[in-house]
Amino acid sequence: MHQTFQPMLNALCTGRFACSQKAGEWL
């Protein structure tokens, strides 16, 4: 499900935060 929605999430974000490098790469 995460992989399915990832393109949609990236399209809707105007900013992307992550608590670590790995967490950012994951999301």
PDB file of all heavy atoms in Angstrom:
ATOM      1  N   MET A   1       0.836  -1.200   0.000  1.00  0.00           N
ATOM      2  CA  MET A   1       0.000   0.000   0.000  1.00  0.00           C
ATOM      3  C   MET A   1       0.877   1.258   0.000  1.00  0.00           C
ATOM      4  O   MET A   1       0.571   2.243  -0.678  1.00  0.00           O
ATOM      5  CB  MET A   1      -0.911  -0.006   1.217  1.00  0.00           C
ATOM      6  CG  MET A   1      -2.063  -1.002   1.122  1.00  0.00           C
ATOM      7  SD  MET A   1      -3.344  -0.488  -0.049  1.00  0.00           S
ATOM      8  CE  MET A   1      -4.136   0.814   0.905  1.00  0.00           C
ATOM      9  N   HIS A   2       1.940   1.202   0.756  1.00  0.00           N
ATOM     10  CA  HIS A   2       2.867   2.336   0.798  1.00  0.00           C
ATOM     11  C   HIS A   2       3.418   2.629  -0.593  1.00  0.00           C
ATOM     12  O   HIS A   2       3.460   3.786  -1.031  1.00  0.00           O
ATOM     13  CB  HIS A   2       4.012   2.025   1.771  1.00  0.00           C
ATOM     14  CG  HIS A   2       5.173   2.962   1.666  1.00  0.00           C
ATOM     15  ND1 HIS A   2       5.127   4.257   2.135  1.00  0.00           N
ATOM     16  CD2 HIS A   2       6.417   2.795   1.131  1.00  0.00           C
ATOM     17  CE1 HIS A   2       6.291   4.844   1.895  1.00  0.00           C
ATOM     18  NE2 HIS A   2       7.094   3.978   1.300  1.00  0.00           N
ATOM     19  N   GLN A   3       3.832   1.606  -1.305  1.00  0.00           N
ATOM     20  CA  GLN A   3       4.401   1.780  -2.637  1.00  0.00           C
ATOM     21  C   GLN A   3       3.354   2.318  -3.619  1.00  0.00           C
ATOM     22  O   GLN A   3       3.669   3.118  -4.503  1.00  0.00           O
ATOM     23  CB  GLN A   3       4.973   0.464  -3.136  1.00  0.00           C
ATOM     24  CG  GLN A   3       6.187  -0.014  -2.337  1.00  0.00           C
ATOM     25  CD  GLN A   3       6.612  -1.433  -2.688  1.00  0.00           C
ATOM     26  OE1 GLN A   3       5.813  -2.229  -3.196  1.00  0.00           O
ATOM     27  NE2 GLN A   3       7.870  -1.753  -2.406  1.00  0.00           N
ATOM     28  N   THR A   4       2.104   1.905  -3.435  1.00  0.00           N
ATOM     29  CA  THR A   4       1.023   2.346  -4.314  1.00  0.00           C
ATOM     30  C   THR A   4       0.763   3.844  -4.178  1.00  0.00           C
ATOM     31  O   THR A   4       0.557   4.556  -5.172  1.00  0.00           O
ATOM     32  CB  THR A   4      -0.270   1.569  -4.004  1.00  0.00           C
ATOM     33  OG1 THR A   4      -0.048   0.177  -4.218  1.00  0.00           O
ATOM     34  CG2 THR A   4      -1.416   2.038  -4.879  1.00  0.00           C
ATOM     35  N   PHE A   5       0.782   4.348  -2.954  1.00  0.00           N
ATOM     36  CA  PHE A   5       0.427   5.741  -2.704  1.00  0.00           C
ATOM     37  C   PHE A   5       1.616   6.702  -2.771  1.00  0.00           C
ATOM     38  O   PHE A   5       1.428   7.916  -2.727  1.00  0.00           O
ATOM     39  CB  PHE A   5      -0.244   5.871  -1.329  1.00  0.00           C
ATOM     40  CG  PHE A   5      -1.694   5.500  -1.333  1.00  0.00           C
ATOM     41  CD1 PHE A   5      -2.094   4.208  -1.060  1.00  0.00           C
ATOM     42  CD2 PHE A   5      -2.674   6.453  -1.618  1.00  0.00           C
ATOM     43  CE1 PHE A   5      -3.436   3.861  -1.052  1.00  0.00           C
ATOM     44  CE2 PHE A   5      -4.011   6.122  -1.619  1.00  0.00           C
ATOM     45  CZ  PHE A   5      -4.410   4.819  -1.342  1.00  0.00           C
ATOM     46  N   GLN A   6       2.842   6.180  -2.872  1.00  0.00           N
ATOM     47  CA  GLN A   6       4.016   7.042  -2.822  1.00  0.00           C
ATOM     48  C   GLN A   6       4.022   8.123  -3.907  1.00  0.00           C
ATOM     49  O   GLN A   6       4.300   9.305  -3.608  1.00  0.00           O
ATOM     50  CB  GLN A   6       5.290   6.207  -2.897  1.00  0.00           C
ATOM     51  CG  GLN A   6       6.557   6.992  -2.571  1.00  0.00           C
ATOM     52  CD  GLN A   6       7.788   6.095  -2.538  1.00  0.00           C
ATOM     53  OE1 GLN A   6       8.103   5.441  -3.542  1.00  0.00           O
ATOM     54  NE2 GLN A   6       8.469   6.045  -1.404  1.00  0.00           N
ATOM     55  N   PRO A   7       3.718   7.818  -5.176  1.00  0.00           N
ATOM     56  CA  PRO A   7       3.693   8.878  -6.193  1.00  0.00           C
ATOM     57  C   PRO A   7       2.665   9.973  -5.874  1.00  0.00           C
ATOM     58  O   PRO A   7       2.930  11.161  -6.091  1.00  0.00           O
ATOM     59  CB  PRO A   7       3.325   8.127  -7.480  1.00  0.00           C
ATOM     60  CG  PRO A   7       3.749   6.719  -7.230  1.00  0.00           C
ATOM     61  CD  PRO A   7       3.481   6.481  -5.782  1.00  0.00           C
ATOM     62  N   MET A   8       1.524   9.577  -5.353  1.00  0.00           N
ATOM     63  CA  MET A   8       0.480  10.539  -5.000  1.00  0.00           C
ATOM     64  C   MET A   8       0.947  11.448  -3.866  1.00  0.00           C
ATOM     65  O   MET A   8       0.733  12.669  -3.894  1.00  0.00           O
ATOM     66  CB  MET A   8      -0.795   9.794  -4.598  1.00  0.00           C
ATOM     67  CG  MET A   8      -1.966  10.691  -4.243  1.00  0.00           C
ATOM     68  SD  MET A   8      -3.416   9.689  -3.799  1.00  0.00           S
ATOM     69  CE  MET A   8      -4.593  10.988  -3.391  1.00  0.00           C
ATOM     70  N   LEU A   9       1.590  10.843  -2.856  1.00  0.00           N
ATOM     71  CA  LEU A   9       2.099  11.634  -1.735  1.00  0.00           C
ATOM     72  C   LEU A   9       3.093  12.680  -2.222  1.00  0.00           C
ATOM     73  O   LEU A   9       3.001  13.865  -1.872  1.00  0.00           O
ATOM     74  CB  LEU A   9       2.771  10.729  -0.709  1.00  0.00           C
ATOM     75  CG  LEU A   9       3.408  11.457   0.484  1.00  0.00           C
ATOM     76  CD1 LEU A   9       2.352  11.843   1.495  1.00  0.00           C
ATOM     77  CD2 LEU A   9       4.483  10.610   1.145  1.00  0.00           C
ATOM     78  N   ASN A  10       4.043  12.248  -3.054  1.00  0.00           N
ATOM     79  CA  ASN A  10       5.058  13.172  -3.548  1.00  0.00           C
ATOM     80  C   ASN A  10       4.461  14.290  -4.393  1.00  0.00           C
ATOM     81  O   ASN A  10       4.951  15.418  -4.381  1.00  0.00           O
ATOM     82  CB  ASN A  10       6.114  12.409  -4.349  1.00  0.00           C
ATOM     83  CG  ASN A  10       7.126  11.703  -3.459  1.00  0.00           C
ATOM     84  OD1 ASN A  10       7.577  12.252  -2.464  1.00  0.00           O
ATOM     85  ND2 ASN A  10       7.478  10.468  -3.808  1.00  0.00           N
ATOM     86  N   ALA A  11       3.384  13.988  -5.106  1.00  0.00           N
ATOM     87  CA  ALA A  11       2.734  15.003  -5.937  1.00  0.00           C
ATOM     88  C   ALA A  11       1.997  16.038  -5.092  1.00  0.00           C
ATOM     89  O   ALA A  11       1.909  17.214  -5.471  1.00  0.00           O
ATOM     90  CB  ALA A  11       1.763  14.330  -6.905  1.00  0.00           C
ATOM     91  N   LEU A  12       1.487  15.621  -3.939  1.00  0.00           N
ATOM     92  CA  LEU A  12       0.686  16.516  -3.105  1.00  0.00           C
ATOM     93  C   LEU A  12       1.512  17.329  -2.117  1.00  0.00           C
ATOM     94  O   LEU A  12       1.064  18.359  -1.612  1.00  0.00           O
ATOM     95  CB  LEU A  12      -0.365  15.706  -2.335  1.00  0.00           C
ATOM     96  CG  LEU A  12      -1.538  15.194  -3.178  1.00  0.00           C
ATOM     97  CD1 LEU A  12      -2.307  14.115  -2.434  1.00  0.00           C
ATOM     98  CD2 LEU A  12      -2.462  16.350  -3.547  1.00  0.00           C
ATOM     99  N   CYS A  13       2.729  16.875  -1.815  1.00  0.00           N
ATOM    100  CA  CYS A  13       3.585  17.590  -0.863  1.00  0.00           C
ATOM    101  C   CYS A  13       4.112  18.884  -1.476  1.00  0.00           C
ATOM    102  O   CYS A  13       4.557  18.897  -2.612  1.00  0.00           O
ATOM    103  CB  CYS A  13       4.790  16.740  -0.483  1.00  0.00           C
ATOM    104  SG  CYS A  13       4.427  15.376   0.610  1.00  0.00           S
ATOM    105  N   THR A  14       4.081  19.944  -0.694  1.00  0.00           N
ATOM    106  CA  THR A  14       4.823  21.143  -1.067  1.00  0.00           C
ATOM    107  C   THR A  14       6.139  21.200  -0.285  1.00  0.00           C
ATOM    108  O   THR A  14       7.002  22.019  -0.578  1.00  0.00           O
ATOM    109  CB  THR A  14       4.009  22.411  -0.786  1.00  0.00           C
ATOM    110  OG1 THR A  14       3.746  22.509   0.619  1.00  0.00           O
ATOM    111  CG2 THR A  14       2.687  22.390  -1.545  1.00  0.00           C
ATOM    112  N   GLY A  15       6.255  20.326   0.720  1.00  0.00           N
ATOM    113  CA  GLY A  15       7.478  20.207   1.499  1.00  0.00           C
ATOM    114  C   GLY A  15       7.585  18.805   2.051  1.00  0.00           C
ATOM    115  O   GLY A  15       6.572  18.170   2.353  1.00  0.00           O
ATOM    116  N   ARG A  16       8.818  18.306   2.163  1.00  0.00           N
ATOM    117  CA  ARG A  16       9.046  16.948   2.648  1.00  0.00           C
ATOM    118  C   ARG A  16      10.048  16.998   3.798  1.00  0.00           C
ATOM    119  O   ARG A  16      11.191  17.402   3.598  1.00  0.00           O
ATOM    120  CB  ARG A  16       9.565  16.037   1.530  1.00  0.00           C
ATOM    121  CG  ARG A  16       8.657  15.954   0.310  1.00  0.00           C
ATOM    122  CD  ARG A  16       9.245  15.021  -0.747  1.00  0.00           C
ATOM    123  NE  ARG A  16       8.473  15.074  -1.974  1.00  0.00           N
ATOM    124  CZ  ARG A  16       8.738  15.891  -2.989  1.00  0.00           C
ATOM    125  NH1 ARG A  16       9.779  16.705  -2.914  1.00  0.00           N
ATOM    126  NH2 ARG A  16       7.984  15.896  -4.059  1.00  0.00           N
ATOM    127  N   PHE A  17       9.618  16.576   4.986  1.00  0.00           N
ATOM    128  CA  PHE A  17      10.487  16.501   6.156  1.00  0.00           C
ATOM    129  C   PHE A  17      10.718  15.032   6.492  1.00  0.00           C
ATOM    130  O   PHE A  17       9.889  14.167   6.194  1.00  0.00           O
ATOM    131  CB  PHE A  17       9.844  17.172   7.371  1.00  0.00           C
ATOM    132  CG  PHE A  17       9.829  18.680   7.341  1.00  0.00           C
ATOM    133  CD1 PHE A  17      10.365  19.391   6.277  1.00  0.00           C
ATOM    134  CD2 PHE A  17       9.274  19.395   8.394  1.00  0.00           C
ATOM    135  CE1 PHE A  17      10.347  20.770   6.250  1.00  0.00           C
ATOM    136  CE2 PHE A  17       9.253  20.780   8.386  1.00  0.00           C
ATOM    137  CZ  PHE A  17       9.795  21.471   7.311  1.00  0.00           C
ATOM    138  N   ALA A  18      11.841  14.737   7.139  1.00  0.00           N
ATOM    139  CA  ALA A  18      12.136  13.386   7.605  1.00  0.00           C
ATOM    140  C   ALA A  18      13.006  13.480   8.847  1.00  0.00           C
ATOM    141  O   ALA A  18      13.829  14.389   8.976  1.00  0.00           O
ATOM    142  CB  ALA A  18      12.852  12.578   6.529  1.00  0.00           C
ATOM    143  N   CYS A  19      12.824  12.516   9.757  1.00  0.00           N
ATOM    144  CA  CYS A  19      13.594  12.539  10.998  1.00  0.00           C
ATOM    145  C   CYS A  19      15.012  12.012  10.815  1.00  0.00           C
ATOM    146  O   CYS A  19      15.843  12.147  11.705  1.00  0.00           O
ATOM    147  CB  CYS A  19      12.868  11.745  12.087  1.00  0.00           C
ATOM    148  SG  CYS A  19      12.743   9.984  11.743  1.00  0.00           S
ATOM    149  N   SER A  20      15.295  11.393   9.666  1.00  0.00           N
ATOM    150  CA  SER A  20      16.640  10.907   9.354  1.00  0.00           C
ATOM    151  C   SER A  20      16.745  10.710   7.848  1.00  0.00           C
ATOM    152  O   SER A  20      15.733  10.744   7.127  1.00  0.00           O
ATOM    153  CB  SER A  20      16.932   9.586  10.073  1.00  0.00           C
ATOM    154  OG  SER A  20      16.144   8.533   9.544  1.00  0.00           O
ATOM    155  N   GLN A  21      17.956  10.462   7.379  1.00  0.00           N
ATOM    156  CA  GLN A  21      18.159  10.231   5.957  1.00  0.00           C
ATOM    157  C   GLN A  21      17.401   8.998   5.490  1.00  0.00           C
ATOM    158  O   GLN A  21      16.715   9.018   4.451  1.00  0.00           O
ATOM    159  CB  GLN A  21      19.665  10.066   5.669  1.00  0.00           C
ATOM    160  CG  GLN A  21      20.016   9.925   4.194  1.00  0.00           C
ATOM    161  CD  GLN A  21      19.791  11.178   3.399  1.00  0.00           C
ATOM    162  OE1 GLN A  21      19.847  12.284   3.935  1.00  0.00           O
ATOM    163  NE2 GLN A  21      19.523  11.034   2.109  1.00  0.00           N
ATOM    164  N   LYS A  22      17.492   7.915   6.259  1.00  0.00           N
ATOM    165  CA  LYS A  22      16.810   6.673   5.881  1.00  0.00           C
ATOM    166  C   LYS A  22      15.293   6.839   5.886  1.00  0.00           C
ATOM    167  O   LYS A  22      14.591   6.284   5.033  1.00  0.00           O
ATOM    168  CB  LYS A  22      17.225   5.541   6.822  1.00  0.00           C
ATOM    169  CG  LYS A  22      18.648   5.038   6.601  1.00  0.00           C
ATOM    170  CD  LYS A  22      18.949   3.849   7.506  1.00  0.00           C
ATOM    171  CE  LYS A  22      20.342   3.300   7.259  1.00  0.00           C
ATOM    172  NZ  LYS A  22      20.643   2.137   8.137  1.00  0.00           N
ATOM    173  N   ALA A  23      14.779   7.594   6.863  1.00  0.00           N
ATOM    174  CA  ALA A  23      13.330   7.815   6.932  1.00  0.00           C
ATOM    175  C   ALA A  23      12.841   8.593   5.719  1.00  0.00           C
ATOM    176  O   ALA A  23      11.752   8.335   5.193  1.00  0.00           O
ATOM    177  CB  ALA A  23      12.977   8.551   8.219  1.00  0.00           C
ATOM    178  N   GLY A  24      13.648   9.536   5.248  1.00  0.00           N
ATOM    179  CA  GLY A  24      13.281  10.298   4.060  1.00  0.00           C
ATOM    180  C   GLY A  24      13.294   9.448   2.807  1.00  0.00           C
ATOM    181  O   GLY A  24      12.389   9.520   1.972  1.00  0.00           O
ATOM    182  N   GLU A  25      14.314   8.632   2.666  1.00  0.00           N
ATOM    183  CA  GLU A  25      14.407   7.746   1.508  1.00  0.00           C
ATOM    184  C   GLU A  25      13.258   6.753   1.493  1.00  0.00           C
ATOM    185  O   GLU A  25      12.746   6.389   0.424  1.00  0.00           O
ATOM    186  CB  GLU A  25      15.755   7.020   1.531  1.00  0.00           C
ATOM    187  CG  GLU A  25      16.943   7.953   1.309  1.00  0.00           C
ATOM    188  CD  GLU A  25      18.273   7.290   1.600  1.00  0.00           C
ATOM    189  OE1 GLU A  25      18.265   6.117   2.050  1.00  0.00           O
ATOM    190  OE2 GLU A  25      19.328   7.921   1.381  1.00  0.00           O
ATOM    191  N   TRP A  26      12.847   6.312   2.687  1.00  0.00           N
ATOM    192  CA  TRP A  26      11.729   5.368   2.782  1.00  0.00           C
ATOM    193  C   TRP A  26      10.432   5.993   2.293  1.00  0.00           C
ATOM    194  O   TRP A  26       9.709   5.402   1.495  1.00  0.00           O
ATOM    195  CB  TRP A  26      11.569   4.888   4.224  1.00  0.00           C
ATOM    196  CG  TRP A  26      10.202   4.354   4.528  1.00  0.00           C
ATOM    197  CD1 TRP A  26       9.217   4.956   5.262  1.00  0.00           C
ATOM    198  CD2 TRP A  26       9.639   3.118   4.071  1.00  0.00           C
ATOM    199  NE1 TRP A  26       8.090   4.181   5.295  1.00  0.00           N
ATOM    200  CE2 TRP A  26       8.322   3.042   4.573  1.00  0.00           C
ATOM    201  CE3 TRP A  26      10.123   2.068   3.282  1.00  0.00           C
ATOM    202  CZ2 TRP A  26       7.483   1.961   4.329  1.00  0.00           C
ATOM    203  CZ3 TRP A  26       9.279   0.981   3.033  1.00  0.00           C
ATOM    204  CH2 TRP A  26       7.981   0.937   3.553  1.00  0.00           C
ATOM    205  N   LEU A  27      10.119   7.189   2.765  1.00  0.00           N
ATOM    206  CA  LEU A  27       8.817   7.779   2.445  1.00  0.00           C
ATOM    207  C   LEU A  27       8.772   8.413   1.061  1.00  0.00           C
ATOM    208  O   LEU A  27       7.755   8.316   0.372  1.00  0.00           O
ATOM    209  CB  LEU A  27       8.438   8.832   3.496  1.00  0.00           C
ATOM    210  CG  LEU A  27       6.982   9.303   3.439  1.00  0.00           C
ATOM    211  CD1 LEU A  27       6.020   8.142   3.725  1.00  0.00           C
ATOM    212  CD2 LEU A  27       6.729  10.432   4.439  1.00  0.00           C
TER     213      LEU A  27
END
